[in-house]
Amino acid sequence: MRRKLLACSLLSVIAVLFLIAGLLTWWNTNFLGDQRFCGKVFSSSEIDEALEGAGRLEQRLSYERKSYIFHCQVEQSSKFIDSPDSGVEVATRFMAADDPFLTRVWQHRGRMAFALSGLPGGATERQAWILVPISCWKKIPVKPDFVPFVTARVQGQTARPEALFRLARRGVQRIMKNVGCSSADLRQEKISDLTSEDVHSTKIDNVCSKPGFTLPDSALFPGSAEPGRERVTHPRSSTVWSCDLYLQSEKQPSLTFFSSSDENIVAAMKRQGISPAWDHGEVVRCEQGDFYVSLFVHDPYSDLYDREHRKKARDVASTTKNILSSLARAEARAQSWTGCSF
């Protein structure tokens, strides 16, 4: 009798342990959970790769229904202590063409990646973006100054840029299929970590390792903002070139430059007006084609410039124009393009 009671007790303990293990598995993994999300656009492994944590996946929002509008949210939750909930949102967004280059997220991006080929796009550890190609624009109603992007944003944590980029690409694929536009541009893009780990000294006549690119005197302030160090994207064959320039100063002022000759980016930039202030870009027209150059000024630099501006009445628009003209000339020379208007 005692053996039977002991056996029953042991079985009860084992059953409780199995129940606890089952609940922990159910609460903290996606075991036996959904394997496809958002109209089967994303696999659970693609979501897991972006969120990089343990937890159960649950779709909170999904809308596409054969539309140019795509919007999907997937959350990851876990019952473990100190395991915050996280999630990812993939959506169509209508933005000014230079928003992905000039948005404030670039100030704290850490790693940065750009597409090497195919549709232009980029990613940080918090969000990715891909520009929907020109071939689709006539089938997607947008305001005159805006163009359609697909973005993938992670919430509650950081993610691998490449993983976020792949989610954005899936969203673009679905939109292009829905509206029936050409998929010729939708090759399998390659994306890599293009932010150079090599932060090296800046040469005043070779800023951002681009021969002939210089900064005007009005952009520098002796003792407050002088040539310092830089990091440049590599390789140069990507859809977008970028450079971070860190000036020597206690406040660490910095500027970021972009350029691209991708036809989708150039066409998008032509749709919007040009601002004379910081965070500014221009399309340069040459005999061989057009390309885009832009400047993004980080807060410490703009604060410093404003202080010096009050002292010396230097004009932001003039300084911006001189910086971009120098960058455009250096870019045209690097591509051997002629007859360019700056």
Protein backbone atom coordinates (compact mmCIF):
# COMPACT_ATOMS: atom_id res chain seq x y z
CA MET A 1 0.00 0.00 0.00
CA ARG A 2 2.84 2.31 0.95
CA ARG A 3 4.54 1.60 -2.40
CA LYS A 4 1.34 2.51 -4.26
CA LEU A 5 1.05 5.77 -2.34
CA LEU A 6 4.70 6.54 -3.04
CA ALA A 7 4.23 5.74 -6.72
CA CYS A 8 1.11 7.92 -6.92
CA SER A 9 2.92 10.77 -5.18
CA LEU A 10 5.85 10.43 -7.54
CA LEU A 11 3.55 10.43 -10.57
CA SER A 12 1.78 13.51 -9.21
CA VAL A 13 5.08 15.32 -8.77
CA ILE A 14 6.16 14.34 -12.28
CA ALA A 15 2.81 15.50 -13.68
CA VAL A 16 3.15 18.85 -11.89
CA LEU A 17 6.70 19.24 -13.19
CA PHE A 18 5.53 18.44 -16.73
CA LEU A 19 2.71 20.95 -16.33
CA ILE A 20 5.10 23.65 -15.12
CA ALA A 21 7.57 22.85 -17.89
CA GLY A 22 4.73 22.95 -20.42
CA LEU A 23 3.48 26.30 -19.16
CA LEU A 24 6.98 27.77 -19.17
CA THR A 25 7.50 26.51 -22.70
CA TRP A 26 4.11 27.91 -23.78
CA TRP A 27 4.66 31.26 -22.09
CA ASN A 28 8.26 31.81 -23.13
CA THR A 29 8.68 30.20 -26.55
CA ASN A 30 6.66 29.99 -29.74
CA PHE A 31 6.29 26.22 -29.42
CA LEU A 32 3.09 25.12 -31.22
CA GLY A 33 2.39 28.80 -31.92
CA ASP A 34 1.66 30.50 -35.24
CA GLN A 35 4.37 30.00 -37.82
CA ARG A 36 3.22 32.64 -40.34
CA PHE A 37 2.09 36.19 -39.68
CA CYS A 38 0.46 39.13 -41.44
CA GLY A 39 -1.27 37.29 -44.24
CA LYS A 40 1.57 34.74 -44.31
CA VAL A 41 4.05 37.45 -45.35
CA PHE A 42 6.47 36.74 -42.47
CA SER A 43 7.64 33.46 -40.99
CA SER A 44 8.11 33.06 -37.25
CA SER A 45 11.84 32.58 -37.82
CA GLU A 46 12.06 35.96 -39.60
CA ILE A 47 10.28 37.66 -36.70
CA ASP A 48 12.45 35.81 -34.17
CA GLU A 49 15.60 36.90 -35.97
CA ALA A 50 14.55 40.55 -35.73
CA LEU A 51 13.45 40.40 -32.09
CA GLU A 52 16.37 38.25 -30.91
CA GLY A 53 14.75 37.10 -27.68
CA ALA A 54 12.74 34.33 -26.10
CA GLY A 55 8.99 34.67 -25.95
CA ARG A 56 5.65 33.90 -27.53
CA LEU A 57 4.74 35.65 -30.77
CA GLU A 58 1.29 37.15 -31.22
CA GLN A 59 -0.06 39.18 -34.11
CA ARG A 60 -1.69 42.38 -32.88
CA LEU A 61 -2.54 44.08 -36.15
CA SER A 62 -2.54 43.13 -39.81
CA TYR A 63 -3.95 44.97 -42.78
CA GLU A 64 -3.15 44.64 -46.47
CA ARG A 65 -6.11 43.02 -48.30
CA LYS A 66 -4.67 43.40 -51.79
CA SER A 67 -3.91 47.04 -51.06
CA TYR A 68 -0.96 49.41 -51.36
CA ILE A 69 -1.38 49.92 -47.61
CA PHE A 70 0.46 47.33 -45.54
CA HIS A 71 0.45 47.51 -41.76
CA CYS A 72 1.35 44.70 -39.41
CA GLN A 73 2.39 44.44 -35.75
CA VAL A 74 3.74 41.31 -34.07
CA GLU A 75 4.54 41.28 -30.35
CA GLN A 76 6.78 38.98 -28.37
CA SER A 77 5.99 38.39 -24.69
CA SER A 78 7.59 36.29 -21.98
CA LYS A 79 6.63 35.40 -18.40
CA PHE A 80 10.24 35.37 -17.24
CA ILE A 81 11.15 38.04 -14.69
CA ASP A 82 13.07 40.98 -16.19
CA SER A 83 12.09 39.96 -19.70
CA PRO A 84 10.42 43.03 -21.24
CA ASP A 85 7.88 42.65 -24.00
CA SER A 86 9.03 43.65 -27.45
CA GLY A 87 7.60 43.81 -30.93
CA VAL A 88 8.08 44.78 -34.54
CA GLU A 89 5.90 46.91 -36.81
CA VAL A 90 6.09 46.80 -40.62
CA ALA A 91 4.09 49.43 -42.47
CA THR A 92 3.64 51.52 -45.61
CA ARG A 93 4.63 55.09 -44.86
CA PHE A 94 4.33 58.16 -47.05
CA MET A 95 7.23 60.47 -46.38
CA ALA A 96 9.28 63.20 -47.94
CA ALA A 97 11.95 61.55 -50.05
CA ASP A 98 14.86 62.56 -47.82
CA ASP A 99 13.23 61.58 -44.50
CA PRO A 100 15.19 58.29 -44.23
CA PHE A 101 18.43 60.24 -44.61
CA LEU A 102 17.60 63.16 -42.37
CA THR A 103 15.39 61.78 -39.59
CA ARG A 104 16.64 62.12 -36.03
CA VAL A 105 17.14 58.36 -35.69
CA TRP A 106 20.46 58.75 -37.50
CA GLN A 107 21.92 60.61 -34.53
CA HIS A 108 21.91 57.48 -32.35
CA ARG A 109 22.00 54.71 -34.90
CA GLY A 110 25.06 52.68 -33.86
CA ARG A 111 25.49 50.27 -36.75
CA MET A 112 24.24 51.35 -40.15
CA ALA A 113 23.65 49.29 -43.28
CA PHE A 114 22.62 50.06 -46.84
CA ALA A 115 21.50 47.84 -49.70
CA LEU A 116 24.31 46.92 -52.06
CA SER A 117 21.97 46.35 -55.01
CA GLY A 118 18.31 46.20 -55.99
CA LEU A 119 15.87 48.58 -54.35
CA PRO A 120 17.46 51.36 -52.28
CA GLY A 121 17.10 50.93 -48.56
CA GLY A 122 18.91 51.03 -45.28
CA ALA A 123 18.72 49.93 -41.69
CA THR A 124 19.86 50.76 -38.18
CA GLU A 125 19.47 48.69 -35.02
CA ARG A 126 15.99 50.16 -34.53
CA GLN A 127 14.44 50.57 -37.96
CA ALA A 128 14.78 49.74 -41.64
CA TRP A 129 13.38 51.40 -44.74
CA ILE A 130 12.99 50.49 -48.41
CA LEU A 131 11.80 52.87 -51.11
CA VAL A 132 8.94 51.43 -53.20
CA PRO A 133 10.18 51.66 -56.83
CA ILE A 134 9.14 54.22 -59.45
CA SER A 135 7.25 51.56 -61.39
CA CYS A 136 4.62 51.46 -58.61
CA TRP A 137 4.09 55.16 -57.95
CA LYS A 138 1.32 55.68 -60.51
CA LYS A 139 -0.65 52.87 -58.88
CA ILE A 140 -0.29 54.26 -55.36
CA PRO A 141 -2.10 57.54 -54.65
CA VAL A 142 0.24 59.90 -52.80
CA LYS A 143 0.53 63.62 -52.21
CA PRO A 144 2.81 65.47 -54.65
CA ASP A 145 5.72 65.93 -52.21
CA PHE A 146 5.69 62.38 -50.80
CA VAL A 147 6.71 58.90 -51.91
CA PRO A 148 5.87 55.43 -50.52
CA PHE A 149 8.30 53.58 -48.28
CA VAL A 150 8.00 50.39 -46.28
CA THR A 151 9.54 50.61 -42.83
CA ALA A 152 10.22 47.97 -40.19
CA ARG A 153 10.56 49.27 -36.64
CA VAL A 154 11.47 47.31 -33.54
CA GLN A 155 10.02 48.29 -30.17
CA GLY A 156 11.43 47.62 -26.71
CA GLN A 157 14.91 46.58 -27.82
CA THR A 158 17.44 46.74 -30.64
CA ALA A 159 17.77 44.31 -33.53
CA ARG A 160 20.17 43.25 -36.25
CA PRO A 161 19.81 45.76 -39.13
CA GLU A 162 19.87 42.97 -41.70
CA ALA A 163 16.90 41.24 -40.05
CA LEU A 164 14.81 44.41 -40.03
CA PHE A 165 15.74 45.05 -43.65
CA ARG A 166 14.47 41.60 -44.67
CA LEU A 167 11.09 42.29 -43.01
CA ALA A 168 10.78 45.59 -44.86
CA ARG A 169 11.63 43.82 -48.10
CA ARG A 170 8.87 41.26 -47.53
CA GLY A 171 6.43 44.12 -47.08
CA VAL A 172 7.54 45.71 -50.36
CA GLN A 173 7.11 42.38 -52.15
CA ARG A 174 3.52 42.07 -50.95
CA ILE A 175 2.63 45.65 -51.96
CA MET A 176 4.13 45.21 -55.43
CA LYS A 177 2.16 42.00 -55.86
CA ASN A 178 -1.04 43.66 -54.65
CA VAL A 179 -0.89 46.65 -56.99
CA GLY A 180 0.53 44.70 -59.93
CA CYS A 181 3.65 46.75 -60.62
CA SER A 182 6.87 45.53 -62.18
CA SER A 183 9.09 43.37 -60.04
CA ALA A 184 12.17 43.91 -62.21
CA ASP A 185 13.75 46.04 -59.49
CA LEU A 186 13.05 43.48 -56.77
CA ARG A 187 16.17 41.42 -57.10
CA GLN A 188 17.51 39.72 -54.01
CA GLU A 189 19.16 42.71 -52.41
CA LYS A 190 22.34 42.16 -50.54
CA ILE A 191 22.88 44.14 -47.39
CA SER A 192 25.88 44.25 -45.16
CA ASP A 193 27.29 46.25 -42.30
CA LEU A 194 28.53 49.24 -44.25
CA THR A 195 29.44 51.43 -41.30
CA SER A 196 33.19 51.28 -41.23
CA GLU A 197 34.73 50.35 -37.90
CA ASP A 198 37.76 52.35 -38.98
CA VAL A 199 37.36 55.86 -37.59
CA HIS A 200 40.33 57.73 -39.02
CA SER A 201 41.63 61.28 -39.10
CA THR A 202 40.09 63.77 -41.51
CA LYS A 203 42.17 65.55 -44.13
CA ILE A 204 40.90 69.06 -44.77
CA ASP A 205 41.23 68.74 -48.58
CA ASN A 206 39.98 65.14 -48.62
CA VAL A 207 36.99 65.12 -46.26
CA CYS A 208 35.33 61.71 -45.92
CA SER A 209 38.16 60.23 -48.01
CA LYS A 210 36.68 61.92 -51.08
CA PRO A 211 39.35 63.84 -53.03
CA GLY A 212 38.41 67.47 -53.50
CA PHE A 213 35.70 67.53 -50.85
CA THR A 214 36.39 70.38 -48.42
CA LEU A 215 34.46 72.34 -45.82
CA PRO A 216 34.10 76.12 -46.12
CA ASP A 217 35.67 78.32 -43.46
CA SER A 218 32.17 79.29 -42.30
CA ALA A 219 31.52 75.66 -41.23
CA LEU A 220 34.52 75.49 -38.92
CA PHE A 221 35.30 77.39 -35.72
CA PRO A 222 38.88 77.48 -34.37
CA GLY A 223 38.98 75.91 -30.94
CA SER A 224 35.31 74.86 -31.10
CA ALA A 225 34.86 72.84 -34.29
CA GLU A 226 37.90 71.80 -36.29
CA PRO A 227 38.63 68.84 -38.59
CA GLY A 228 38.67 65.68 -36.52
CA ARG A 229 37.80 62.09 -37.41
CA GLU A 230 35.46 60.32 -39.84
CA ARG A 231 33.97 56.97 -40.80
CA VAL A 232 32.85 56.18 -44.34
CA THR A 233 30.59 53.45 -45.70
CA HIS A 234 32.23 50.70 -47.66
CA PRO A 235 32.10 49.35 -50.34
CA ARG A 236 31.40 52.28 -52.62
CA SER A 237 29.18 50.22 -54.97
CA SER A 238 26.15 50.36 -52.66
CA THR A 239 22.94 52.21 -53.52
CA VAL A 240 23.88 54.94 -51.00
CA TRP A 241 27.22 56.38 -49.88
CA SER A 242 27.46 57.91 -46.43
CA CYS A 243 30.02 59.49 -44.15
CA ASP A 244 30.00 60.56 -40.49
CA LEU A 245 32.30 63.49 -39.77
CA TYR A 246 33.23 64.08 -36.13
CA LEU A 247 34.70 67.53 -35.48
CA GLN A 248 37.18 68.19 -32.70
CA SER A 249 35.33 69.80 -29.83
CA GLU A 250 34.35 69.19 -26.23
CA LYS A 251 30.69 68.86 -27.34
CA GLN A 252 31.63 66.39 -30.15
CA PRO A 253 29.69 68.11 -32.97
CA SER A 254 29.16 65.93 -36.02
CA LEU A 255 27.70 65.96 -39.52
CA THR A 256 26.52 63.14 -41.80
CA PHE A 257 26.74 63.23 -45.59
CA PHE A 258 24.87 61.10 -48.12
CA SER A 259 25.03 60.69 -51.89
CA SER A 260 23.31 58.38 -54.36
CA SER A 261 22.82 58.05 -58.11
CA ASP A 262 20.10 55.40 -57.72
CA GLU A 263 17.28 56.34 -60.11
CA ASN A 264 14.56 55.66 -57.55
CA ILE A 265 16.16 57.93 -54.95
CA VAL A 266 16.85 60.68 -57.49
CA ALA A 267 13.28 60.56 -58.82
CA ALA A 268 11.92 60.70 -55.28
CA MET A 269 14.06 63.73 -54.43
CA LYS A 270 12.79 65.58 -57.50
CA ARG A 271 9.25 65.37 -56.14
CA GLN A 272 9.93 67.50 -53.10
CA GLY A 273 10.94 71.07 -52.48
CA ILE A 274 14.34 72.14 -51.23
CA SER A 275 14.83 73.65 -47.79
CA PRO A 276 17.60 76.23 -47.24
CA ALA A 277 18.14 75.11 -43.62
CA TRP A 278 20.16 72.29 -42.11
CA ASP A 279 19.07 68.77 -43.01
CA HIS A 280 19.21 69.63 -46.65
CA GLY A 281 19.67 67.79 -49.95
CA GLU A 282 19.96 68.61 -53.64
CA VAL A 283 19.70 66.81 -56.98
CA VAL A 284 22.68 67.49 -59.24
CA ARG A 285 22.06 67.24 -62.97
CA CYS A 286 24.90 66.07 -65.24
CA GLU A 287 25.21 65.02 -68.89
CA GLN A 288 25.47 61.36 -67.91
CA GLY A 289 22.58 61.44 -65.42
CA ASP A 290 21.57 62.83 -62.04
CA PHE A 291 22.68 62.16 -58.50
CA TYR A 292 21.66 63.28 -55.02
CA VAL A 293 23.75 64.78 -52.22
CA SER A 294 22.60 65.72 -48.74
CA LEU A 295 23.78 66.94 -45.37
CA PHE A 296 22.39 66.04 -41.94
CA VAL A 297 23.58 68.15 -39.01
CA HIS A 298 23.51 66.61 -35.55
CA ASP A 299 22.27 68.68 -32.62
CA PRO A 300 25.64 69.52 -30.98
CA TYR A 301 26.86 71.04 -34.24
CA SER A 302 23.71 73.04 -34.94
CA ASP A 303 23.76 74.35 -31.35
CA LEU A 304 27.39 75.39 -31.76
CA TYR A 305 26.72 77.01 -35.13
CA ASP A 306 23.77 78.94 -33.72
CA ARG A 307 25.97 80.37 -30.99
CA GLU A 308 28.66 81.35 -33.48
CA HIS A 309 26.00 82.61 -35.87
CA ARG A 310 24.82 85.12 -33.31
CA LYS A 311 28.39 86.30 -32.89
CA LYS A 312 29.44 86.43 -36.53
CA ALA A 313 26.15 86.54 -38.45
CA ARG A 314 27.06 83.56 -40.62
CA ASP A 315 24.25 82.41 -42.87
CA VAL A 316 23.04 78.79 -42.61
CA ALA A 317 21.77 78.63 -46.20
CA SER A 318 25.05 79.91 -47.63
CA THR A 319 27.13 77.50 -45.55
CA THR A 320 24.91 74.56 -46.49
CA LYS A 321 25.10 75.48 -50.19
CA ASN A 322 28.90 75.68 -50.08
CA ILE A 323 29.23 72.31 -48.31
CA LEU A 324 26.92 70.52 -50.75
CA SER A 325 28.51 72.16 -53.79
CA SER A 326 31.92 70.91 -52.71
CA LEU A 327 30.54 67.41 -52.09
CA ALA A 328 28.74 67.41 -55.47
CA ARG A 329 31.87 68.44 -57.36
CA ALA A 330 33.90 65.75 -55.64
CA GLU A 331 31.20 63.16 -56.36
CA ALA A 332 30.98 64.15 -60.04
CA ARG A 333 34.74 63.93 -60.35
CA ALA A 334 34.76 60.49 -58.72
CA GLN A 335 32.15 59.24 -61.23
CA SER A 336 33.79 61.04 -64.19
CA TRP A 337 30.51 62.85 -64.87
CA THR A 338 30.63 66.12 -66.79
CA GLY A 339 28.43 69.14 -67.49
CA CYS A 340 27.02 69.11 -63.95
CA SER A 341 25.02 72.02 -62.53
CA PHE A 342 25.67 72.73 -58.87
